[in-house]
Amino acid sequence: MQKRTLLKLGLTSAAVMLVAGGAASWWQPGLQVNASLSPAGRDVFSAIGRGVLDKSLPQEAVARQVALDGLLSRVDTLVQALPPHAQAELSQLLSVLASAPGRLALAGLRQPWAQASVVDLQQALQDMRLSALALRQQAYGALHDIATGAYFADAATWSLLGYPGPLKI
C-alpha cells in the first residue's frame, strides 16, 4: 500500500469516527449534564472494571457488585474533576463504545458490554492495547487508567497492592 493511500485511509477513518462519535453522543451520551456517567457510560466502565480488575475484585457476586458500584462512584467523582474539554472527549469515547458499531470497531467486542464474559473483555482490551491504530491504544489507555485509578483510590483496596497507606507525619 502506498503512503498516500494509507494516509487517505487514516484520515477517512478519523473523520468517520469523529462523525460517529458526535452522532452517538446525541443518541446515547457517555456523560450526563452534571458530568456523571450516563447508564451507557456506567455499562462501559463496569465492564472495563470487570476486565481490568478481575483478580483484584472480590470473587463473591454481591461483594463484587458492591466493589464495582464503588468504582463507578469514584469514576463519577474523577470525571467531575476533569476540565470541560476532557469531559467532552470522554463522553464521546463512551458514546462510541456504547453503540454496537463503535464497540465492534473500536474494541472489537461483539456482545454488549454488560453481557460480555471477563475473558472476552480482557481479549478486547488487549487487542486495543496492542493495536496498530493509535486511536485504539489511546482509548485503551484512558479507560484503563481511569478504571484502575478510581478503583485503587479507595483505601480499602490498598492492601491488594501492599501499600500500607500514607505515612503519619
Protein backbone atom coordinates (compact mmCIF):
# COMPACT_ATOMS: atom_id res chain seq x y z
CA MET A 1 0.00 0.00 0.00
CA GLN A 2 1.35 3.42 -0.90
CA LYS A 3 1.84 6.12 1.68
CA ARG A 4 -0.77 8.35 0.03
CA THR A 5 -3.38 5.59 0.12
CA LEU A 6 -2.57 4.81 3.73
CA LEU A 7 -2.81 8.50 4.65
CA LYS A 8 -6.21 8.81 2.93
CA LEU A 9 -7.44 5.72 4.72
CA GLY A 10 -6.30 7.10 8.08
CA LEU A 11 -7.91 10.49 7.51
CA THR A 12 -11.15 8.90 6.32
CA SER A 13 -11.22 6.60 9.34
CA ALA A 14 -10.64 9.51 11.71
CA ALA A 15 -13.44 11.52 10.07
CA VAL A 16 -15.84 8.58 10.29
CA MET A 17 -15.03 8.04 13.98
CA LEU A 18 -15.46 11.75 14.69
CA VAL A 19 -18.86 11.86 12.98
CA ALA A 20 -19.91 8.58 14.60
CA GLY A 21 -18.82 9.86 18.00
CA GLY A 22 -20.77 13.08 17.61
CA ALA A 23 -23.87 11.27 16.36
CA ALA A 24 -23.67 8.61 19.07
CA SER A 25 -23.37 11.26 21.78
CA TRP A 26 -26.72 12.70 20.70
CA TRP A 27 -28.41 9.31 20.97
CA GLN A 28 -26.63 7.86 23.94
CA PRO A 29 -24.31 10.31 25.71
CA GLY A 30 -21.47 8.87 27.77
CA LEU A 31 -21.86 11.52 30.44
CA GLN A 32 -24.96 13.26 31.76
CA VAL A 33 -25.36 17.03 32.06
CA ASN A 34 -23.87 17.01 35.59
CA ALA A 35 -20.74 15.22 34.26
CA SER A 36 -21.67 11.92 35.89
CA LEU A 37 -21.72 8.67 33.96
CA SER A 38 -24.87 8.00 31.95
CA PRO A 39 -26.36 4.49 32.09
CA ALA A 40 -24.43 3.70 28.88
CA GLY A 41 -21.21 5.05 30.39
CA ARG A 42 -21.81 3.03 33.56
CA ASP A 43 -22.19 -0.15 31.47
CA VAL A 44 -18.90 0.52 29.69
CA PHE A 45 -16.93 1.31 32.87
CA SER A 46 -18.47 -1.58 34.79
CA ALA A 47 -17.32 -3.92 32.02
CA ILE A 48 -13.89 -2.28 31.85
CA GLY A 49 -13.62 -2.74 35.61
CA ARG A 50 -14.55 -6.42 35.33
CA GLY A 51 -11.97 -6.92 32.60
CA VAL A 52 -9.07 -4.95 34.03
CA LEU A 53 -9.59 -5.61 37.73
CA ASP A 54 -10.76 -9.24 37.55
CA LYS A 55 -8.29 -10.71 40.05
CA SER A 56 -8.46 -7.65 42.33
CA LEU A 57 -12.25 -7.72 42.68
CA PRO A 58 -13.94 -9.87 45.32
CA GLN A 59 -14.98 -13.27 43.95
CA GLU A 60 -18.34 -13.41 45.75
CA ALA A 61 -21.07 -11.94 43.49
CA VAL A 62 -22.62 -9.47 45.94
CA ALA A 63 -19.26 -8.18 47.19
CA ARG A 64 -18.05 -7.94 43.57
CA GLN A 65 -21.07 -5.82 42.63
CA VAL A 66 -20.53 -3.58 45.66
CA ALA A 67 -16.89 -3.10 44.59
CA LEU A 68 -17.97 -2.26 41.02
CA ASP A 69 -20.59 0.19 42.30
CA GLY A 70 -17.87 1.87 44.37
CA LEU A 71 -15.67 2.02 41.29
CA LEU A 72 -18.43 3.72 39.31
CA SER A 73 -18.99 6.23 42.10
CA ARG A 74 -15.30 7.11 42.16
CA VAL A 75 -15.21 7.34 38.34
CA ASP A 76 -18.04 9.89 38.62
CA THR A 77 -16.00 11.89 41.12
CA LEU A 78 -12.91 11.72 38.91
CA VAL A 79 -14.81 12.76 35.76
CA GLN A 80 -16.42 15.72 37.52
CA ALA A 81 -12.93 16.98 38.40
CA LEU A 82 -11.79 16.90 34.76
CA PRO A 83 -11.75 20.09 32.69
CA PRO A 84 -14.76 20.52 30.36
CA HIS A 85 -12.84 19.61 27.19
CA ALA A 86 -11.65 16.32 28.73
CA GLN A 87 -15.20 15.56 29.91
CA ALA A 88 -16.46 16.14 26.36
CA GLU A 89 -13.82 13.82 24.88
CA LEU A 90 -14.55 11.10 27.43
CA SER A 91 -18.28 11.46 26.80
CA GLN A 92 -17.69 10.98 23.07
CA LEU A 93 -15.49 7.95 23.67
CA LEU A 94 -18.08 6.35 25.94
CA SER A 95 -20.84 7.17 23.44
CA VAL A 96 -18.96 5.47 20.63
CA LEU A 97 -18.15 2.45 22.79
CA ALA A 98 -21.76 2.19 24.00
CA SER A 99 -23.05 1.87 20.43
CA ALA A 100 -22.86 -1.54 18.79
CA PRO A 101 -20.92 -0.33 15.70
CA GLY A 102 -18.50 1.70 17.83
CA ARG A 103 -17.98 -1.15 20.30
CA LEU A 104 -17.19 -3.51 17.43
CA ALA A 105 -14.96 -1.04 15.56
CA LEU A 106 -13.04 0.38 18.49
CA ALA A 107 -12.98 -2.51 20.97
CA GLY A 108 -13.62 -5.47 18.68
CA LEU A 109 -16.28 -6.70 21.10
CA ARG A 110 -19.30 -8.37 19.52
CA GLN A 111 -21.63 -8.69 22.50
CA PRO A 112 -22.90 -5.80 24.64
CA TRP A 113 -20.61 -4.72 27.47
CA ALA A 114 -22.87 -5.99 30.24
CA GLN A 115 -23.20 -9.44 28.62
CA ALA A 116 -19.54 -9.97 27.73
CA SER A 117 -17.55 -12.50 29.71
CA VAL A 118 -14.42 -11.44 31.57
CA VAL A 119 -12.31 -13.39 29.08
CA ASP A 120 -13.95 -11.59 26.13
CA LEU A 121 -13.49 -8.22 27.83
CA GLN A 122 -9.83 -8.93 28.55
CA GLN A 123 -9.24 -10.03 24.95
CA ALA A 124 -10.94 -6.90 23.57
CA LEU A 125 -8.88 -4.68 25.88
CA GLN A 126 -5.67 -6.49 24.99
CA ASP A 127 -6.46 -6.06 21.29
CA MET A 128 -6.98 -2.33 21.87
CA ARG A 129 -3.74 -2.07 23.83
CA LEU A 130 -1.70 -3.81 21.14
CA SER A 131 -3.49 -2.27 18.15
CA ALA A 132 -1.54 -0.64 15.35
CA LEU A 133 -4.05 2.24 15.47
CA ALA A 134 -3.07 4.98 17.91
CA LEU A 135 -6.75 5.83 18.46
CA ARG A 136 -7.46 2.36 19.87
CA GLN A 137 -4.32 2.48 22.03
CA GLN A 138 -5.27 5.90 23.41
CA ALA A 139 -8.82 4.77 24.14
CA TYR A 140 -7.45 1.74 25.98
CA GLY A 141 -5.02 3.88 27.96
CA ALA A 142 -7.73 6.30 29.04
CA LEU A 143 -10.18 3.57 30.05
CA HIS A 144 -7.52 1.55 31.86
CA ASP A 145 -6.08 4.50 33.76
CA ILE A 146 -9.46 5.87 34.80
CA ALA A 147 -10.74 2.47 35.95
CA THR A 148 -7.63 1.44 37.86
CA GLY A 149 -7.01 4.89 39.29
CA ALA A 150 -10.58 5.16 40.54
CA TYR A 151 -10.58 1.64 41.95
CA PHE A 152 -7.30 1.92 43.84
CA ALA A 153 -8.18 5.40 45.13
CA ASP A 154 -10.25 3.60 47.75
CA ALA A 155 -8.19 2.96 50.89
CA ALA A 156 -9.85 -0.47 51.25
CA THR A 157 -8.01 -1.63 48.11
CA TRP A 158 -4.54 -0.53 49.16
CA SER A 159 -3.74 -3.83 50.86
CA LEU A 160 -4.07 -5.57 47.47
CA LEU A 161 -1.09 -3.50 46.34
CA GLY A 162 0.87 -3.98 49.53
CA TYR A 163 0.52 -0.27 50.23
CA PRO A 164 0.19 0.43 53.96
CA GLY A 165 -1.19 3.91 53.41
CA PRO A 166 0.33 7.35 53.77
CA LEU A 167 2.94 7.87 56.44
CA LYS A 168 1.80 9.70 59.54
CA ILE A 169 3.98 12.74 59.99
